Amino acid sequence: MSAADKLGGYASGFANLDAEAIATNVTADYKLLDKDGAVYGKNDLPGYVAELRKIGNKMDISDVVVEGGTAWCKWRVGDIVGAGMISFGEDGVSQEQLFYF
């Protein structure tokens, strides 16, 4: 799978709040850097997504910009709105830093 396919699968997984689809498209050492300095790894995704599902049943992703191995997007789950900066490559997504509005 290409890096673009991995990024697309990752985005689709978050759009559908599907932890398995997200995990399929991340590296073994994947880190999700959330608010308040919380860091989640690949094995934490099922619990993380379960918490998101309490807020809404999907994630709306918009305003996507991709440049090289970095992508930025705006997202919304329920009433929570934020942005993400994503690092990715041929092996999948290695890191995402979330920002909240």
Protein backbone atom coordinates (compact mmCIF):
# COMPACT_ATOMS: atom_id res chain seq x y z
CA MET A 1 0.00 0.00 0.00
CA SER A 2 1.23 3.49 -0.76
CA ALA A 3 1.66 6.26 1.81
CA ALA A 4 -1.40 8.00 0.31
CA ASP A 5 -3.45 4.81 0.72
CA LYS A 6 -2.36 4.52 4.36
CA LEU A 7 -3.32 8.15 5.01
CA GLY A 8 -6.68 7.63 3.28
CA GLY A 9 -7.39 4.48 5.31
CA TYR A 10 -6.46 6.31 8.52
CA ALA A 11 -8.80 9.20 7.67
CA SER A 12 -11.60 6.81 6.73
CA GLY A 13 -11.13 4.96 10.02
CA PHE A 14 -11.50 8.16 12.00
CA ALA A 15 -14.43 9.36 9.87
CA ASN A 16 -16.25 6.13 10.72
CA LEU A 17 -14.84 5.92 14.26
CA ASP A 18 -13.49 2.45 13.45
CA ALA A 19 -10.51 1.64 15.69
CA GLU A 20 -9.56 -1.46 13.67
CA ALA A 21 -9.41 0.50 10.40
CA ILE A 22 -7.32 3.20 12.07
CA ALA A 23 -4.91 0.63 13.57
CA THR A 24 -4.46 -1.06 10.18
CA ASN A 25 -3.01 2.17 8.80
CA VAL A 26 -0.60 3.20 11.57
CA THR A 27 2.97 2.21 12.40
CA ALA A 28 3.85 0.00 15.36
CA ASP A 29 5.24 3.02 17.24
CA TYR A 30 2.29 5.32 16.37
CA LYS A 31 1.57 8.15 18.81
CA LEU A 32 -1.59 10.27 19.04
CA LEU A 33 -0.85 13.43 21.02
CA ASP A 34 -4.13 14.65 22.49
CA LYS A 35 -5.09 17.57 24.69
CA ASP A 36 -3.49 18.03 28.11
CA GLY A 37 -0.39 16.15 26.95
CA ALA A 38 -2.07 12.73 26.80
CA VAL A 39 -0.30 10.31 24.45
CA TYR A 40 -2.06 7.27 22.97
CA GLY A 41 -0.41 4.39 21.13
CA LYS A 42 -1.70 1.88 18.61
CA ASN A 43 -2.96 -0.46 21.33
CA ASP A 44 -4.91 2.40 22.95
CA LEU A 45 -7.04 3.06 19.86
CA PRO A 46 -10.05 0.87 20.80
CA GLY A 47 -10.51 2.71 24.10
CA TYR A 48 -9.84 6.11 22.55
CA VAL A 49 -12.41 5.54 19.80
CA ALA A 50 -14.93 4.21 22.34
CA GLU A 51 -14.64 7.56 24.18
CA LEU A 52 -15.17 9.47 20.91
CA ARG A 53 -18.29 7.38 20.19
CA LYS A 54 -19.80 8.72 23.44
CA ILE A 55 -19.64 12.19 21.83
CA GLY A 56 -20.82 11.32 18.31
CA ASN A 57 -21.19 8.44 15.87
CA LYS A 58 -18.82 9.84 13.22
CA MET A 59 -16.04 12.33 12.68
CA ASP A 60 -16.43 15.00 10.01
CA ILE A 61 -13.06 15.73 8.40
CA SER A 62 -12.58 18.79 6.18
CA ASP A 63 -10.02 21.30 4.94
CA VAL A 64 -7.41 18.62 4.26
CA VAL A 65 -3.97 19.74 3.08
CA VAL A 66 -1.21 17.25 2.22
CA GLU A 67 2.41 18.22 1.62
CA GLY A 68 5.06 15.53 1.43
CA GLY A 69 4.74 13.29 4.49
CA THR A 70 2.58 15.74 6.46
CA ALA A 71 -1.16 16.31 6.37
CA TRP A 72 -3.37 18.82 8.17
CA CYS A 73 -7.11 18.71 8.60
CA LYS A 74 -10.03 20.17 10.50
CA TRP A 75 -12.32 17.72 12.30
CA ARG A 76 -15.53 17.62 14.32
CA VAL A 77 -17.06 14.99 16.59
CA GLY A 78 -20.34 16.09 18.11
CA ASP A 79 -19.76 19.59 19.51
CA ILE A 80 -15.98 19.22 19.68
CA VAL A 81 -14.02 20.90 16.88
CA GLY A 82 -10.31 20.67 16.33
CA ALA A 83 -7.48 20.23 13.87
CA GLY A 84 -4.82 17.60 13.39
CA MET A 85 -1.28 17.55 12.05
CA ILE A 86 -0.41 14.07 10.79
CA SER A 87 2.97 12.54 9.90
CA PHE A 88 2.84 9.56 7.55
CA GLY A 89 4.88 7.45 5.15
CA GLU A 90 4.94 4.11 3.33
CA ASP A 91 4.61 2.24 6.66
CA GLY A 92 1.55 4.23 7.69
CA VAL A 93 0.72 7.11 9.99
CA SER A 94 3.37 7.52 12.66
CA GLN A 95 2.03 10.49 14.61
CA GLU A 96 -0.86 12.89 14.96
CA GLN A 97 -0.96 16.05 17.07
CA LEU A 98 -4.48 17.28 17.88
CA PHE A 99 -5.45 20.88 18.48
CA TYR A 100 -8.82 22.04 19.84
CA PHE A 101 -10.75 25.20 19.03
